[in-house]
N, C-alpha and C. Protein backbone atom coordinates (compact mmCIF):
# COMPACT_ATOMS: atom_id res chain seq x y z
N MET A 1 0.84 -1.17 0.00
CA MET A 1 0.00 0.00 0.00
C MET A 1 0.89 1.24 0.00
N LYS A 2 0.53 2.20 -0.81
CA LYS A 2 1.25 3.46 -0.84
C LYS A 2 0.50 4.46 0.03
N VAL A 3 1.24 5.18 0.85
CA VAL A 3 0.67 6.20 1.72
C VAL A 3 1.32 7.53 1.37
N LYS A 4 0.52 8.50 0.99
CA LYS A 4 1.05 9.83 0.73
C LYS A 4 1.06 10.60 2.03
N VAL A 5 2.16 11.28 2.30
CA VAL A 5 2.32 12.03 3.54
C VAL A 5 2.56 13.50 3.20
N LEU A 6 1.85 14.36 3.89
CA LEU A 6 2.02 15.80 3.71
C LEU A 6 2.45 16.39 5.05
N LYS A 7 3.63 16.98 5.08
CA LYS A 7 4.12 17.61 6.30
C LYS A 7 3.47 18.99 6.43
N LEU A 8 2.60 19.13 7.44
CA LEU A 8 1.87 20.37 7.66
C LEU A 8 2.53 21.24 8.74
N HIS A 9 3.57 20.73 9.34
CA HIS A 9 4.29 21.43 10.41
C HIS A 9 5.78 21.27 10.13
N PRO A 10 6.58 22.29 10.34
CA PRO A 10 8.01 22.18 10.03
C PRO A 10 8.73 21.07 10.79
N ASN A 11 8.22 20.68 11.94
CA ASN A 11 8.85 19.61 12.73
C ASN A 11 8.19 18.25 12.54
N ALA A 12 7.26 18.16 11.59
CA ALA A 12 6.57 16.88 11.36
C ALA A 12 7.57 15.79 10.98
N VAL A 13 7.29 14.57 11.41
CA VAL A 13 8.18 13.41 11.18
C VAL A 13 7.49 12.46 10.21
N ILE A 14 8.20 12.05 9.16
CA ILE A 14 7.65 11.08 8.21
C ILE A 14 7.48 9.74 8.94
N PRO A 15 6.30 9.10 8.84
CA PRO A 15 6.09 7.82 9.52
C PRO A 15 7.10 6.77 9.05
N LYS A 16 7.49 5.88 9.97
CA LYS A 16 8.45 4.83 9.63
C LYS A 16 8.16 3.59 10.47
N TYR A 17 8.70 2.47 10.01
CA TYR A 17 8.61 1.22 10.76
C TYR A 17 9.69 1.22 11.84
N ALA A 18 9.33 0.87 13.06
CA ALA A 18 10.31 0.80 14.15
C ALA A 18 11.21 -0.42 14.00
N LYS A 19 10.61 -1.55 13.60
CA LYS A 19 11.37 -2.79 13.44
C LYS A 19 10.95 -3.50 12.16
N SER A 20 11.85 -4.26 11.61
CA SER A 20 11.55 -5.07 10.43
C SER A 20 10.42 -6.03 10.76
N GLY A 21 9.44 -6.12 9.88
CA GLY A 21 8.32 -7.03 10.10
C GLY A 21 7.12 -6.38 10.78
N ASP A 22 7.25 -5.12 11.21
CA ASP A 22 6.11 -4.43 11.82
C ASP A 22 4.96 -4.34 10.83
N ALA A 23 3.74 -4.45 11.34
CA ALA A 23 2.55 -4.39 10.49
C ALA A 23 2.15 -2.96 10.13
N GLY A 24 2.54 -1.99 10.96
CA GLY A 24 2.14 -0.61 10.71
C GLY A 24 3.26 0.36 10.99
N LEU A 25 3.09 1.54 10.46
CA LEU A 25 4.07 2.60 10.64
C LEU A 25 3.84 3.32 11.97
N ASP A 26 4.91 3.80 12.58
CA ASP A 26 4.80 4.59 13.80
C ASP A 26 4.59 6.05 13.43
N LEU A 27 3.58 6.68 14.05
CA LEU A 27 3.27 8.08 13.82
C LEU A 27 3.80 8.90 14.98
N THR A 28 4.26 10.10 14.69
CA THR A 28 4.78 11.00 15.71
C THR A 28 3.97 12.29 15.71
N VAL A 29 3.52 12.72 16.86
CA VAL A 29 2.78 13.96 16.99
C VAL A 29 3.74 15.03 17.49
N VAL A 30 3.81 16.17 16.78
CA VAL A 30 4.72 17.22 17.18
C VAL A 30 4.04 18.32 17.99
N GLU A 31 2.73 18.41 17.88
CA GLU A 31 1.95 19.34 18.67
C GLU A 31 0.50 18.88 18.66
N VAL A 32 -0.25 19.26 19.66
CA VAL A 32 -1.67 18.92 19.69
C VAL A 32 -2.45 20.21 19.90
N GLU A 33 -3.32 20.49 18.96
CA GLU A 33 -4.18 21.67 19.04
C GLU A 33 -5.61 21.18 19.11
N HIS A 34 -6.32 21.50 20.16
CA HIS A 34 -7.72 21.10 20.30
C HIS A 34 -8.57 22.05 19.45
N ILE A 35 -9.21 21.51 18.41
CA ILE A 35 -10.00 22.31 17.49
C ILE A 35 -11.47 22.31 17.92
N GLY A 36 -11.95 21.20 18.36
CA GLY A 36 -13.36 21.08 18.77
C GLY A 36 -13.56 19.79 19.52
N ALA A 37 -14.79 19.42 19.72
CA ALA A 37 -15.13 18.21 20.47
C ALA A 37 -14.54 16.97 19.79
N GLY A 38 -13.49 16.41 20.38
CA GLY A 38 -12.87 15.20 19.85
C GLY A 38 -12.04 15.40 18.61
N ILE A 39 -11.78 16.64 18.20
CA ILE A 39 -11.00 16.92 16.99
C ILE A 39 -9.67 17.54 17.39
N LEU A 40 -8.58 16.93 16.91
CA LEU A 40 -7.24 17.41 17.23
C LEU A 40 -6.47 17.68 15.95
N ASN A 41 -5.61 18.69 15.97
CA ASN A 41 -4.67 18.94 14.88
C ASN A 41 -3.32 18.42 15.35
N THR A 42 -2.76 17.45 14.62
CA THR A 42 -1.48 16.84 15.02
C THR A 42 -0.31 17.31 14.17
N GLY A 43 -0.54 18.14 13.14
CA GLY A 43 0.55 18.66 12.33
C GLY A 43 0.92 17.79 11.14
N SER A 44 0.19 16.70 10.90
CA SER A 44 0.48 15.81 9.77
C SER A 44 -0.82 15.46 9.06
N GLY A 45 -0.71 15.12 7.78
CA GLY A 45 -1.86 14.67 7.01
C GLY A 45 -1.48 13.43 6.22
N TYR A 46 -2.44 12.52 6.05
CA TYR A 46 -2.19 11.24 5.37
C TYR A 46 -3.30 10.97 4.38
N HIS A 47 -2.95 10.38 3.26
CA HIS A 47 -3.94 10.03 2.26
C HIS A 47 -3.82 8.53 1.98
N LEU A 48 -4.88 7.80 2.25
CA LEU A 48 -4.93 6.36 1.99
C LEU A 48 -5.96 6.10 0.92
N ARG A 49 -5.59 5.34 -0.11
CA ARG A 49 -6.53 5.00 -1.17
C ARG A 49 -7.30 3.76 -0.81
N SER A 50 -8.55 3.74 -1.15
CA SER A 50 -9.39 2.58 -0.94
C SER A 50 -9.00 1.49 -1.95
N LEU A 51 -9.19 0.23 -1.58
CA LEU A 51 -8.87 -0.88 -2.49
C LEU A 51 -9.66 -0.79 -3.79
N LYS A 52 -10.87 -0.27 -3.74
CA LYS A 52 -11.68 -0.16 -4.95
C LYS A 52 -11.11 0.86 -5.93
N ASP A 53 -10.27 1.79 -5.43
CA ASP A 53 -9.66 2.80 -6.28
C ASP A 53 -8.36 2.34 -6.93
N MET A 54 -7.90 1.15 -6.60
CA MET A 54 -6.60 0.68 -7.08
C MET A 54 -6.75 -0.08 -8.37
């Protein structure tokens, strides 16, 4: 699966695997801004394509 990453904060960290064989990438939050009820800004954006779009 290809994941497009957009750095929205100058200190944003590109996701990476911590160890070989990991099932998912580790995400890093550089700041947390409370926007509303249950909504947070973490400084990063990700785009995942649905299997039907492939």
